[in-house]
Amino acid sequence: MASLYCLKTRGILGEVSSINIETNVGVLPIQFSLNKDNQILIRMKQDKPQFIEFNGDKERLASSMGLTSREIEEDLPIVYGCTGAWTLLIPIKNIESFNRMKPINTLFPEILTELPKRQFTHFVYKPSMWAPSCTLDISHLHCQEPLKIQ
């Protein structure tokens, strides 16, 4: 998304309102528009999400991040998610825990038993932190290869 924003704001894409990009999950459509403040909005349709349950040791998982298992949210599942690149989605209770995180990357392959060579994505889901006018739009682009513009 950052690459597309740069290409659009520097005029490299011209006046087009949509393009297609080739990714490792196929060709995905991109739309450009402007909001009421004349700021560029970029929308991408991602591949259908896939999920796999994490059956590993939550205590070891937390420890590998420099946290305790009590800092992982119990009301949300820990799952591998994919819309193009697999990552382990870990719900964290409080945003303050992020300041204490000290990941030990060498431990990840033995903890991520279902998909050992993946990364972690930590998130905090607290709707009360948002202004009343905010709506939840779970959008995430993860590019691991250069974008090929068609």
N, C-alpha and C. Protein backbone atom coordinates (compact mmCIF):
# COMPACT_ATOMS: atom_id res chain seq x y z
N MET A 1 0.83 -1.17 0.00
CA MET A 1 0.00 0.00 0.00
C MET A 1 0.88 1.25 0.00
N ALA A 2 1.96 1.20 0.75
CA ALA A 2 2.86 2.36 0.78
C ALA A 2 3.46 2.61 -0.60
N SER A 3 3.83 1.54 -1.29
CA SER A 3 4.39 1.68 -2.64
C SER A 3 3.36 2.28 -3.59
N LEU A 4 2.13 1.82 -3.50
CA LEU A 4 1.07 2.34 -4.36
C LEU A 4 0.80 3.81 -4.05
N TYR A 5 0.79 4.15 -2.78
CA TYR A 5 0.58 5.55 -2.38
C TYR A 5 1.68 6.43 -2.98
N CYS A 6 2.90 5.98 -2.88
CA CYS A 6 4.03 6.74 -3.42
C CYS A 6 3.89 6.91 -4.94
N LEU A 7 3.58 5.82 -5.64
CA LEU A 7 3.43 5.89 -7.09
C LEU A 7 2.30 6.84 -7.48
N LYS A 8 1.20 6.81 -6.73
CA LYS A 8 0.05 7.65 -7.06
C LYS A 8 0.34 9.13 -6.74
N THR A 9 0.89 9.41 -5.57
CA THR A 9 1.12 10.81 -5.18
C THR A 9 2.23 11.46 -6.00
N ARG A 10 3.14 10.68 -6.54
CA ARG A 10 4.21 11.25 -7.38
C ARG A 10 3.81 11.33 -8.85
N GLY A 11 2.57 10.96 -9.15
CA GLY A 11 2.07 11.09 -10.51
C GLY A 11 2.48 9.98 -11.46
N ILE A 12 3.19 8.98 -10.97
CA ILE A 12 3.68 7.91 -11.84
C ILE A 12 2.53 7.08 -12.41
N LEU A 13 1.43 6.97 -11.67
CA LEU A 13 0.27 6.22 -12.15
C LEU A 13 -0.71 7.10 -12.92
N GLY A 14 -0.44 8.38 -13.00
CA GLY A 14 -1.32 9.28 -13.73
C GLY A 14 -2.68 9.41 -13.08
N GLU A 15 -3.71 9.55 -13.91
CA GLU A 15 -5.07 9.79 -13.42
C GLU A 15 -5.91 8.52 -13.30
N VAL A 16 -5.29 7.36 -13.39
CA VAL A 16 -6.07 6.11 -13.30
C VAL A 16 -6.75 6.00 -11.94
N SER A 17 -7.96 5.44 -11.95
CA SER A 17 -8.67 5.25 -10.69
C SER A 17 -8.61 3.80 -10.21
N SER A 18 -8.09 2.91 -11.07
CA SER A 18 -7.94 1.52 -10.66
C SER A 18 -6.82 0.86 -11.46
N ILE A 19 -6.19 -0.10 -10.82
CA ILE A 19 -5.16 -0.92 -11.46
C ILE A 19 -5.28 -2.32 -10.89
N ASN A 20 -4.55 -3.26 -11.47
CA ASN A 20 -4.45 -4.61 -10.93
C ASN A 20 -2.99 -4.86 -10.61
N ILE A 21 -2.74 -5.54 -9.49
CA ILE A 21 -1.37 -5.91 -9.15
C ILE A 21 -1.28 -7.43 -9.07
N GLU A 22 -0.13 -7.94 -9.48
CA GLU A 22 0.11 -9.38 -9.40
C GLU A 22 0.80 -9.67 -8.07
N THR A 23 0.22 -10.58 -7.30
CA THR A 23 0.78 -10.97 -6.01
C THR A 23 0.97 -12.48 -6.00
N ASN A 24 1.47 -13.00 -4.90
CA ASN A 24 1.67 -14.45 -4.82
C ASN A 24 0.36 -15.23 -4.69
N VAL A 25 -0.78 -14.54 -4.56
CA VAL A 25 -2.09 -15.21 -4.53
C VAL A 25 -2.90 -14.90 -5.78
N GLY A 26 -2.28 -14.24 -6.75
CA GLY A 26 -2.98 -13.91 -7.98
C GLY A 26 -3.04 -12.42 -8.22
N VAL A 27 -3.86 -12.03 -9.17
CA VAL A 27 -4.02 -10.62 -9.54
C VAL A 27 -5.13 -10.02 -8.67
N LEU A 28 -4.80 -8.92 -7.98
CA LEU A 28 -5.75 -8.27 -7.09
C LEU A 28 -6.05 -6.85 -7.57
N PRO A 29 -7.33 -6.46 -7.53
CA PRO A 29 -7.69 -5.11 -7.96
C PRO A 29 -7.42 -4.06 -6.89
N ILE A 30 -6.99 -2.88 -7.35
CA ILE A 30 -6.72 -1.73 -6.48
C ILE A 30 -7.56 -0.56 -6.99
N GLN A 31 -8.24 0.16 -6.10
CA GLN A 31 -8.99 1.35 -6.46
C GLN A 31 -8.43 2.55 -5.71
N PHE A 32 -8.33 3.67 -6.42
CA PHE A 32 -7.90 4.94 -5.84
C PHE A 32 -9.09 5.89 -5.83
N SER A 33 -9.23 6.65 -4.75
CA SER A 33 -10.26 7.68 -4.68
C SER A 33 -9.77 8.78 -3.74
N LEU A 34 -10.56 9.83 -3.63
CA LEU A 34 -10.24 10.93 -2.72
C LEU A 34 -11.34 11.05 -1.69
N ASN A 35 -10.97 11.35 -0.44
CA ASN A 35 -11.98 11.58 0.58
C ASN A 35 -12.41 13.05 0.54
N LYS A 36 -13.27 13.46 1.47
CA LYS A 36 -13.80 14.83 1.46
C LYS A 36 -12.72 15.87 1.71
N ASP A 37 -11.57 15.45 2.30
CA ASP A 37 -10.46 16.37 2.54
C ASP A 37 -9.41 16.31 1.43
N ASN A 38 -9.78 15.67 0.32
CA ASN A 38 -8.90 15.54 -0.85
C ASN A 38 -7.66 14.68 -0.57
N GLN A 39 -7.77 13.75 0.37
CA GLN A 39 -6.69 12.82 0.65
C GLN A 39 -6.93 11.53 -0.14
N ILE A 40 -5.84 10.93 -0.61
CA ILE A 40 -5.95 9.70 -1.39
C ILE A 40 -6.35 8.52 -0.51
N LEU A 41 -7.34 7.78 -0.97
CA LEU A 41 -7.74 6.53 -0.33
C LEU A 41 -7.41 5.41 -1.29
N ILE A 42 -6.87 4.32 -0.76
CA ILE A 42 -6.52 3.17 -1.59
C ILE A 42 -7.24 1.95 -1.03
N ARG A 43 -7.94 1.25 -1.89
CA ARG A 43 -8.68 0.06 -1.48
C ARG A 43 -8.16 -1.12 -2.28
N MET A 44 -7.89 -2.22 -1.58
CA MET A 44 -7.42 -3.43 -2.24
C MET A 44 -8.30 -4.60 -1.84
N LYS A 45 -8.73 -5.36 -2.79
CA LYS A 45 -9.46 -6.60 -2.50
C LYS A 45 -8.42 -7.68 -2.29
N GLN A 46 -8.42 -8.26 -1.09
CA GLN A 46 -7.47 -9.32 -0.79
C GLN A 46 -8.05 -10.68 -1.10
N ASP A 47 -7.18 -11.66 -1.09
CA ASP A 47 -7.61 -13.04 -1.27
C ASP A 47 -8.49 -13.43 -0.09
N LYS A 48 -9.31 -14.44 -0.27
CA LYS A 48 -10.17 -14.94 0.80
C LYS A 48 -9.30 -15.39 1.97
N PRO A 49 -9.57 -14.91 3.20
CA PRO A 49 -8.73 -15.29 4.33
C PRO A 49 -8.86 -16.78 4.68
N GLN A 50 -7.76 -17.34 5.12
CA GLN A 50 -7.72 -18.73 5.59
C GLN A 50 -7.16 -18.71 7.01
N PHE A 51 -7.60 -19.65 7.84
CA PHE A 51 -7.15 -19.70 9.22
C PHE A 51 -6.85 -21.14 9.62
N ILE A 52 -5.83 -21.30 10.47
CA ILE A 52 -5.46 -22.59 11.05
C ILE A 52 -5.28 -22.36 12.54
N GLU A 53 -5.85 -23.22 13.35
CA GLU A 53 -5.75 -23.09 14.80
C GLU A 53 -4.31 -23.30 15.27
N PHE A 54 -3.89 -22.48 16.23
CA PHE A 54 -2.59 -22.65 16.88
C PHE A 54 -2.79 -23.62 18.04
N ASN A 55 -2.09 -24.74 18.01
CA ASN A 55 -2.20 -25.75 19.07
C ASN A 55 -0.95 -25.84 19.91
N GLY A 56 -0.07 -24.87 19.78
CA GLY A 56 1.19 -24.89 20.51
C GLY A 56 1.04 -24.43 21.96
N ASP A 57 2.15 -24.32 22.62
CA ASP A 57 2.23 -23.95 24.03
C ASP A 57 2.15 -22.43 24.19
N LYS A 58 1.05 -21.94 24.76
CA LYS A 58 0.86 -20.49 24.92
C LYS A 58 1.88 -19.87 25.86
N GLU A 59 2.28 -20.61 26.87
CA GLU A 59 3.29 -20.09 27.82
C GLU A 59 4.62 -19.88 27.11
N ARG A 60 5.04 -20.87 26.32
CA ARG A 60 6.30 -20.72 25.56
C ARG A 60 6.19 -19.63 24.51
N LEU A 61 5.01 -19.52 23.89
CA LEU A 61 4.78 -18.47 22.91
C LEU A 61 4.95 -17.09 23.55
N ALA A 62 4.29 -16.89 24.68
CA ALA A 62 4.40 -15.61 25.39
C ALA A 62 5.84 -15.34 25.81
N SER A 63 6.48 -16.34 26.35
CA SER A 63 7.87 -16.20 26.81
C SER A 63 8.80 -15.83 25.65
N SER A 64 8.55 -16.40 24.47
CA SER A 64 9.41 -16.10 23.32
C SER A 64 9.27 -14.64 22.87
N MET A 65 8.20 -13.98 23.33
CA MET A 65 7.99 -12.56 23.01
C MET A 65 8.41 -11.66 24.16
N GLY A 66 8.86 -12.25 25.28
CA GLY A 66 9.21 -11.45 26.45
C GLY A 66 8.01 -11.10 27.30
N LEU A 67 6.92 -11.86 27.16
CA LEU A 67 5.69 -11.60 27.91
C LEU A 67 5.32 -12.82 28.75
N THR A 68 4.26 -12.69 29.52
CA THR A 68 3.69 -13.84 30.24
C THR A 68 2.40 -14.23 29.52
N SER A 69 1.95 -15.44 29.73
CA SER A 69 0.72 -15.89 29.08
C SER A 69 -0.49 -15.10 29.56
N ARG A 70 -0.41 -14.48 30.74
CA ARG A 70 -1.51 -13.66 31.25
C ARG A 70 -1.71 -12.40 30.40
N GLU A 71 -0.71 -12.04 29.59
CA GLU A 71 -0.83 -10.85 28.74
C GLU A 71 -1.48 -11.16 27.39
N ILE A 72 -1.73 -12.44 27.13
CA ILE A 72 -2.43 -12.83 25.90
C ILE A 72 -3.93 -12.87 26.19
N GLU A 73 -4.69 -12.28 25.30
CA GLU A 73 -6.16 -12.21 25.46
C GLU A 73 -6.76 -13.61 25.38
N GLU A 74 -7.53 -13.99 26.42
CA GLU A 74 -8.14 -15.32 26.45
C GLU A 74 -9.42 -15.40 25.64
N ASP A 75 -10.09 -14.28 25.42
CA ASP A 75 -11.39 -14.28 24.75
C ASP A 75 -11.29 -14.33 23.23
N LEU A 76 -10.10 -14.23 22.69
CA LEU A 76 -9.89 -14.31 21.24
C LEU A 76 -8.91 -15.44 20.94
N PRO A 77 -9.09 -16.13 19.84
CA PRO A 77 -8.20 -17.26 19.54
C PRO A 77 -6.84 -16.80 19.01
N ILE A 78 -5.85 -17.63 19.20
CA ILE A 78 -4.55 -17.47 18.55
C ILE A 78 -4.63 -18.36 17.31
N VAL A 79 -4.49 -17.75 16.14
CA VAL A 79 -4.62 -18.51 14.89
C VAL A 79 -3.57 -18.06 13.89
N TYR A 80 -3.24 -18.97 12.99
CA TYR A 80 -2.48 -18.60 11.81
C TYR A 80 -3.49 -18.05 10.82
N GLY A 81 -3.18 -16.92 10.20
CA GLY A 81 -4.07 -16.33 9.22
C GLY A 81 -3.32 -16.06 7.93
N CYS A 82 -4.04 -16.11 6.84
CA CYS A 82 -3.40 -15.88 5.55
C CYS A 82 -4.36 -15.25 4.56
N THR A 83 -3.92 -14.15 3.94
CA THR A 83 -4.56 -13.61 2.75
C THR A 83 -3.50 -13.51 1.66
N GLY A 84 -2.42 -14.24 1.84
CA GLY A 84 -1.32 -14.25 0.88
C GLY A 84 -0.01 -14.69 1.50
N ALA A 85 0.19 -14.39 2.76
CA ALA A 85 1.38 -14.81 3.51
C ALA A 85 0.93 -15.22 4.92
N TRP A 86 1.28 -16.42 5.33
CA TRP A 86 0.85 -16.92 6.64
C TRP A 86 1.56 -16.18 7.76
N THR A 87 0.81 -15.84 8.80
CA THR A 87 1.36 -15.21 10.00
C THR A 87 0.55 -15.69 11.19
N LEU A 88 1.15 -15.73 12.36
CA LEU A 88 0.44 -16.11 13.58
C LEU A 88 -0.15 -14.86 14.19
N LEU A 89 -1.47 -14.83 14.34
CA LEU A 89 -2.18 -13.68 14.90
C LEU A 89 -2.35 -13.88 16.40
N ILE A 90 -1.74 -13.00 17.19
CA ILE A 90 -1.72 -13.15 18.64
C ILE A 90 -2.42 -11.96 19.29
N PRO A 91 -3.58 -12.19 19.92
CA PRO A 91 -4.28 -11.09 20.59
C PRO A 91 -3.64 -10.78 21.94
N ILE A 92 -3.25 -9.54 22.13
CA ILE A 92 -2.61 -9.09 23.37
C ILE A 92 -3.62 -8.23 24.14
N LYS A 93 -3.69 -8.41 25.46
CA LYS A 93 -4.69 -7.71 26.27
C LYS A 93 -4.51 -6.19 26.30
N ASN A 94 -3.29 -5.75 26.52
CA ASN A 94 -3.05 -4.32 26.73
C ASN A 94 -1.94 -3.81 25.84
N ILE A 95 -2.13 -2.61 25.35
CA ILE A 95 -1.14 -2.02 24.46
C ILE A 95 0.19 -1.79 25.19
N GLU A 96 0.16 -1.66 26.50
CA GLU A 96 1.39 -1.47 27.29
C GLU A 96 2.33 -2.66 27.17
N SER A 97 1.79 -3.84 26.91
CA SER A 97 2.62 -5.04 26.77
C SER A 97 3.58 -4.93 25.59
N PHE A 98 3.20 -4.16 24.58
CA PHE A 98 4.05 -4.01 23.41
C PHE A 98 5.40 -3.38 23.77
N ASN A 99 5.41 -2.49 24.76
CA ASN A 99 6.66 -1.86 25.19
C ASN A 99 7.61 -2.84 25.86
N ARG A 100 7.08 -3.93 26.41
CA ARG A 100 7.92 -4.93 27.10
C ARG A 100 8.34 -6.08 26.19
N MET A 101 7.81 -6.12 24.98
CA MET A 101 8.13 -7.24 24.09
C MET A 101 9.60 -7.22 23.69
N LYS A 102 10.22 -8.36 23.85
CA LYS A 102 11.59 -8.58 23.41
C LYS A 102 11.63 -9.96 22.77
N PRO A 103 11.24 -10.04 21.48
CA PRO A 103 11.15 -11.33 20.81
C PRO A 103 12.49 -12.06 20.72
N ILE A 104 12.43 -13.36 20.91
CA ILE A 104 13.60 -14.23 20.74
C ILE A 104 13.30 -15.07 19.49
N ASN A 105 13.67 -14.52 18.34
CA ASN A 105 13.31 -15.11 17.05
C ASN A 105 13.78 -16.55 16.87
N THR A 106 14.89 -16.91 17.49
CA THR A 106 15.42 -18.27 17.32
C THR A 106 14.49 -19.33 17.90
N LEU A 107 13.59 -18.94 18.82
CA LEU A 107 12.66 -19.90 19.42
C LEU A 107 11.41 -20.12 18.57
N PHE A 108 11.12 -19.23 17.65
CA PHE A 108 9.86 -19.29 16.90
C PHE A 108 9.65 -20.62 16.17
N PRO A 109 10.62 -21.14 15.42
CA PRO A 109 10.36 -22.38 14.67
C PRO A 109 9.93 -23.56 15.54
N GLU A 110 10.47 -23.69 16.74
CA GLU A 110 10.08 -24.82 17.59
C GLU A 110 8.75 -24.58 18.30
N ILE A 111 8.29 -23.34 18.38
CA ILE A 111 7.00 -23.03 19.02
C ILE A 111 5.87 -23.06 18.00
N LEU A 112 6.16 -22.63 16.78
CA LEU A 112 5.15 -22.60 15.72
C LEU A 112 5.10 -23.96 15.04
N THR A 113 4.55 -24.92 15.75
CA THR A 113 4.61 -26.32 15.31
C THR A 113 3.86 -26.58 14.01
N GLU A 114 2.74 -25.90 13.78
CA GLU A 114 1.96 -26.15 12.57
C GLU A 114 2.62 -25.52 11.34
N LEU A 115 3.18 -24.34 11.49
CA LEU A 115 3.83 -23.63 10.38
C LEU A 115 5.11 -22.99 10.92
N PRO A 116 6.20 -23.75 11.05
CA PRO A 116 7.39 -23.30 11.77
C PRO A 116 8.13 -22.08 11.22
N LYS A 117 8.02 -21.77 9.96
CA LYS A 117 8.81 -20.67 9.41
C LYS A 117 7.93 -19.46 9.13
N ARG A 118 7.11 -19.10 10.07
CA ARG A 118 6.20 -17.97 9.92
C ARG A 118 6.55 -16.87 10.90
N GLN A 119 5.86 -15.76 10.76
CA GLN A 119 6.09 -14.62 11.63
C GLN A 119 4.91 -14.45 12.58
N PHE A 120 5.07 -13.56 13.54
CA PHE A 120 4.01 -13.21 14.48
C PHE A 120 3.43 -11.87 14.07
N THR A 121 2.14 -11.69 14.27
CA THR A 121 1.50 -10.39 14.18
C THR A 121 0.74 -10.21 15.49
N HIS A 122 1.14 -9.25 16.28
CA HIS A 122 0.49 -8.98 17.56
C HIS A 122 -0.53 -7.89 17.36
N PHE A 123 -1.65 -7.98 18.06
CA PHE A 123 -2.64 -6.92 17.96
C PHE A 123 -3.40 -6.79 19.27
N VAL A 124 -3.94 -5.60 19.50
CA VAL A 124 -4.81 -5.33 20.63
C VAL A 124 -6.16 -4.96 20.05
N TYR A 125 -7.20 -5.62 20.49
CA TYR A 125 -8.55 -5.33 20.02
C TYR A 125 -9.34 -4.78 21.20
N LYS A 126 -9.41 -3.47 21.28
CA LYS A 126 -10.15 -2.81 22.35
C LYS A 126 -11.01 -1.71 21.73
N PRO A 127 -12.26 -2.03 21.35
CA PRO A 127 -13.11 -1.01 20.74
C PRO A 127 -13.26 0.24 21.60
N SER A 128 -13.15 0.11 22.91
CA SER A 128 -13.30 1.28 23.79
C SER A 128 -12.20 2.31 23.58
N MET A 129 -11.08 1.91 22.93
CA MET A 129 -9.98 2.84 22.68
C MET A 129 -10.29 3.78 21.52
N TRP A 130 -11.33 3.47 20.72
CA TRP A 130 -11.62 4.24 19.53
C TRP A 130 -12.66 5.30 19.82
N ALA A 131 -12.66 6.35 19.04
CA ALA A 131 -13.69 7.37 19.14
C ALA A 131 -15.02 6.76 18.72
N PRO A 132 -16.16 7.28 19.23
CA PRO A 132 -17.47 6.71 18.87
C PRO A 132 -17.74 6.68 17.38
N SER A 133 -17.13 7.59 16.62
CA SER A 133 -17.38 7.63 15.18
C SER A 133 -16.57 6.59 14.40
N CYS A 134 -15.65 5.91 15.06
CA CYS A 134 -14.80 4.95 14.37
C CYS A 134 -15.56 3.65 14.11
N THR A 135 -15.24 3.04 12.98
CA THR A 135 -15.77 1.71 12.68
C THR A 135 -14.57 0.80 12.45
N LEU A 136 -14.75 -0.45 12.75
CA LEU A 136 -13.68 -1.41 12.59
C LEU A 136 -13.61 -1.88 11.16
N ASP A 137 -12.47 -1.70 10.53
CA ASP A 137 -12.24 -2.19 9.18
C ASP A 137 -10.92 -2.94 9.23
N ILE A 138 -10.99 -4.26 9.36
CA ILE A 138 -9.77 -5.04 9.50
C ILE A 138 -9.18 -5.24 8.12
N SER A 139 -8.23 -4.38 7.77
CA SER A 139 -7.57 -4.44 6.47
C SER A 139 -6.08 -4.51 6.71
N HIS A 140 -5.42 -5.39 5.98
CA HIS A 140 -3.99 -5.54 6.17
C HIS A 140 -3.38 -6.00 4.86
N LEU A 141 -2.40 -5.27 4.38
CA LEU A 141 -1.69 -5.69 3.18
C LEU A 141 -0.30 -6.11 3.58
N HIS A 142 0.08 -7.28 3.14
CA HIS A 142 1.40 -7.78 3.48
C HIS A 142 2.11 -8.13 2.19
N CYS A 143 3.01 -7.27 1.71
CA CYS A 143 3.72 -7.51 0.46
C CYS A 143 5.10 -8.07 0.76
N GLN A 144 5.40 -9.22 0.22
CA GLN A 144 6.71 -9.80 0.42
C GLN A 144 7.51 -9.83 -0.86
N GLU A 145 6.88 -9.41 -1.95
CA GLU A 145 7.56 -9.36 -3.23
C GLU A 145 7.27 -7.99 -3.84
N PRO A 146 8.12 -7.52 -4.74
CA PRO A 146 7.82 -6.26 -5.41
C PRO A 146 6.49 -6.36 -6.15
N LEU A 147 5.71 -5.29 -6.15
CA LEU A 147 4.45 -5.27 -6.86
C LEU A 147 4.69 -5.17 -8.35
N LYS A 148 3.92 -5.93 -9.12
CA LYS A 148 4.00 -5.85 -10.57
C LYS A 148 2.72 -5.19 -11.05
N ILE A 149 2.82 -3.99 -11.56
CA ILE A 149 1.65 -3.23 -11.99
C ILE A 149 1.27 -3.63 -13.40
N GLN A 150 -0.04 -3.90 -13.61
CA GLN A 150 -0.52 -4.26 -14.95
C GLN A 150 -1.20 -3.06 -15.58
